[in-house]
C-alpha cells in the first residue's frame, strides 16, 4: 500500500514502464515522496491550476 516502495514497483512492473517514464499525482505528500523514492516524477495535488502548472513544468501538458 502507498507509500510503501513496493506498491509503486508493482504498478511500474505491471504497466511495463521505467519509473522515470511515470508521473504520480496525489494529495498526500507522503505518497508523492514514496513514488519519488523509486524515481517516479511526483506531483502534490493542491488544486486544478497547480496541477496544470506542475504538469507543464515536467513537460506532460502544454
N, C-alpha and C. Protein backbone atom coordinates (compact mmCIF):
# COMPACT_ATOMS: atom_id res chain seq x y z
N UNK A 1 0.84 -1.18 0.00
CA UNK A 1 0.00 0.00 0.00
C UNK A 1 0.88 1.25 0.00
N UNK A 2 0.34 2.32 -0.55
CA UNK A 2 1.05 3.58 -0.53
C UNK A 2 1.33 3.95 0.92
N UNK A 3 2.40 4.52 1.26
CA UNK A 3 3.52 4.99 0.45
C UNK A 3 4.68 3.99 0.37
N UNK A 4 4.42 2.72 0.61
CA UNK A 4 5.49 1.73 0.54
C UNK A 4 6.03 1.61 -0.87
N UNK A 5 7.35 1.55 -1.00
CA UNK A 5 8.02 1.50 -2.30
C UNK A 5 7.52 0.33 -3.14
N UNK A 6 7.20 -0.78 -2.52
CA UNK A 6 6.74 -1.96 -3.24
C UNK A 6 5.44 -1.71 -4.01
N UNK A 7 4.59 -0.85 -3.52
CA UNK A 7 3.34 -0.54 -4.21
C UNK A 7 3.62 0.12 -5.56
N UNK A 8 4.56 1.02 -5.58
CA UNK A 8 4.91 1.72 -6.82
C UNK A 8 5.67 0.78 -7.76
N UNK A 9 6.54 -0.06 -7.20
CA UNK A 9 7.27 -1.04 -8.01
C UNK A 9 6.30 -1.99 -8.70
N UNK A 10 5.26 -2.41 -7.99
CA UNK A 10 4.26 -3.31 -8.55
C UNK A 10 3.59 -2.69 -9.78
N UNK A 11 3.17 -1.44 -9.65
CA UNK A 11 2.47 -0.77 -10.75
C UNK A 11 3.40 -0.54 -11.93
N UNK A 12 4.61 -0.09 -11.67
CA UNK A 12 5.57 0.16 -12.75
C UNK A 12 5.83 -1.14 -13.52
N UNK A 13 5.99 -2.23 -12.79
CA UNK A 13 6.21 -3.52 -13.44
C UNK A 13 4.96 -3.97 -14.21
N UNK A 14 3.78 -3.77 -13.63
CA UNK A 14 2.53 -4.19 -14.26
C UNK A 14 2.27 -3.47 -15.58
N UNK A 15 2.71 -2.22 -15.67
CA UNK A 15 2.49 -1.47 -16.92
C UNK A 15 3.72 -1.51 -17.82
N UNK A 16 4.73 -2.28 -17.38
CA UNK A 16 5.95 -2.47 -18.18
C UNK A 16 6.59 -1.13 -18.55
N UNK A 17 6.83 -0.32 -17.53
CA UNK A 17 7.42 1.00 -17.74
C UNK A 17 8.63 1.18 -16.85
N UNK A 18 9.43 2.16 -17.17
CA UNK A 18 10.52 2.57 -16.29
C UNK A 18 9.98 3.66 -15.37
N UNK A 19 10.46 3.71 -14.12
CA UNK A 19 9.96 4.73 -13.20
C UNK A 19 10.08 6.16 -13.74
N UNK A 20 11.15 6.45 -14.46
CA UNK A 20 11.33 7.81 -14.97
C UNK A 20 10.37 8.16 -16.11
N UNK A 21 9.58 7.19 -16.57
CA UNK A 21 8.56 7.43 -17.58
C UNK A 21 7.19 7.70 -16.95
N UNK A 22 7.12 7.63 -15.63
CA UNK A 22 5.84 7.70 -14.93
C UNK A 22 5.69 9.01 -14.16
N UNK A 23 4.43 9.38 -13.95
CA UNK A 23 4.08 10.53 -13.12
C UNK A 23 3.05 10.06 -12.11
N UNK A 24 3.27 10.39 -10.85
CA UNK A 24 2.34 10.03 -9.78
C UNK A 24 1.79 11.32 -9.18
N UNK A 25 0.47 11.41 -9.08
CA UNK A 25 -0.21 12.59 -8.55
C UNK A 25 -1.04 12.16 -7.35
N UNK A 26 -0.87 12.86 -6.23
CA UNK A 26 -1.62 12.52 -5.02
C UNK A 26 -1.75 13.77 -4.17
N UNK A 27 -2.74 13.76 -3.29
CA UNK A 27 -2.92 14.92 -2.41
C UNK A 27 -2.24 14.74 -1.06
N UNK A 28 -1.53 13.62 -0.88
CA UNK A 28 -0.76 13.41 0.34
C UNK A 28 0.73 13.40 0.03
N UNK A 29 1.46 14.28 0.70
CA UNK A 29 2.89 14.42 0.43
C UNK A 29 3.64 13.12 0.66
N UNK A 30 3.26 12.35 1.69
CA UNK A 30 3.98 11.10 1.97
C UNK A 30 3.85 10.11 0.81
N UNK A 31 2.72 10.11 0.13
CA UNK A 31 2.54 9.22 -1.02
C UNK A 31 3.37 9.68 -2.21
N UNK A 32 3.44 10.98 -2.42
CA UNK A 32 4.26 11.53 -3.51
C UNK A 32 5.73 11.21 -3.24
N UNK A 33 6.16 11.39 -2.01
CA UNK A 33 7.56 11.09 -1.66
C UNK A 33 7.86 9.60 -1.87
N UNK A 34 6.91 8.73 -1.57
CA UNK A 34 7.09 7.31 -1.79
C UNK A 34 7.34 6.99 -3.26
N UNK A 35 6.57 7.60 -4.14
CA UNK A 35 6.76 7.41 -5.57
C UNK A 35 8.11 7.96 -6.02
N UNK A 36 8.45 9.12 -5.52
CA UNK A 36 9.72 9.75 -5.90
C UNK A 36 10.92 8.92 -5.45
N UNK A 37 10.77 8.17 -4.37
CA UNK A 37 11.88 7.34 -3.89
C UNK A 37 12.24 6.24 -4.89
N UNK A 38 11.32 5.95 -5.80
CA UNK A 38 11.57 4.94 -6.83
C UNK A 38 12.03 5.58 -8.14
N UNK A 39 12.00 6.90 -8.20
CA UNK A 39 12.41 7.59 -9.42
C UNK A 39 11.24 8.06 -10.28
N UNK A 40 10.04 7.92 -9.74
CA UNK A 40 8.83 8.39 -10.43
C UNK A 40 8.70 9.88 -10.19
N UNK A 41 8.29 10.63 -11.22
CA UNK A 41 8.03 12.06 -11.04
C UNK A 41 6.78 12.20 -10.18
N UNK A 42 6.86 12.98 -9.13
CA UNK A 42 5.73 13.14 -8.23
C UNK A 42 5.19 14.55 -8.25
N UNK A 43 3.87 14.64 -8.16
CA UNK A 43 3.21 15.94 -8.08
C UNK A 43 2.25 15.91 -6.90
N UNK A 44 2.39 16.87 -6.02
CA UNK A 44 1.47 17.02 -4.90
C UNK A 44 0.27 17.83 -5.39
N UNK A 45 -0.90 17.20 -5.39
CA UNK A 45 -2.12 17.88 -5.86
C UNK A 45 -2.66 18.79 -4.78
N UNK A 46 -2.85 20.05 -5.16
CA UNK A 46 -3.47 21.03 -4.26
C UNK A 46 -4.76 21.57 -4.87
N UNK A 47 -4.67 21.90 -6.16
CA UNK A 47 -5.85 22.39 -6.87
C UNK A 47 -5.62 22.22 -8.37
N UNK A 48 -6.68 22.35 -9.19
CA UNK A 48 -6.53 22.13 -10.63
C UNK A 48 -5.49 23.04 -11.30
N UNK A 49 -5.45 24.30 -10.92
CA UNK A 49 -4.49 25.23 -11.53
C UNK A 49 -3.06 24.83 -11.21
N UNK A 50 -2.82 24.44 -9.97
CA UNK A 50 -1.49 24.00 -9.58
C UNK A 50 -1.07 22.73 -10.28
N UNK A 51 -2.02 21.80 -10.45
CA UNK A 51 -1.73 20.57 -11.17
C UNK A 51 -1.34 20.86 -12.61
N UNK A 52 -2.11 21.72 -13.25
CA UNK A 52 -1.79 22.08 -14.64
C UNK A 52 -0.41 22.71 -14.73
N UNK A 53 -0.09 23.61 -13.83
CA UNK A 53 1.22 24.26 -13.81
C UNK A 53 2.33 23.23 -13.64
N UNK A 54 2.14 22.30 -12.71
CA UNK A 54 3.17 21.29 -12.45
C UNK A 54 3.33 20.32 -13.62
N UNK A 55 2.23 19.98 -14.28
CA UNK A 55 2.33 19.10 -15.46
C UNK A 55 3.06 19.79 -16.60
N UNK A 56 2.82 21.07 -16.76
CA UNK A 56 3.54 21.84 -17.79
C UNK A 56 5.02 21.87 -17.44
N UNK A 57 5.35 22.06 -16.17
CA UNK A 57 6.74 22.12 -15.72
C UNK A 57 7.54 20.87 -16.09
N UNK A 58 6.88 19.70 -16.00
CA UNK A 58 7.60 18.47 -16.31
C UNK A 58 7.39 18.02 -17.74
N UNK A 59 6.71 18.85 -18.53
CA UNK A 59 6.58 18.57 -19.96
C UNK A 59 5.48 17.60 -20.34
N UNK A 60 4.53 17.37 -19.45
CA UNK A 60 3.44 16.44 -19.75
C UNK A 60 2.27 17.16 -20.42
N UNK A 61 2.07 18.42 -20.11
CA UNK A 61 0.96 19.20 -20.67
C UNK A 61 1.50 20.52 -21.22
N UNK A 62 0.74 21.07 -22.14
CA UNK A 62 1.12 22.39 -22.68
C UNK A 62 -0.03 23.36 -22.54
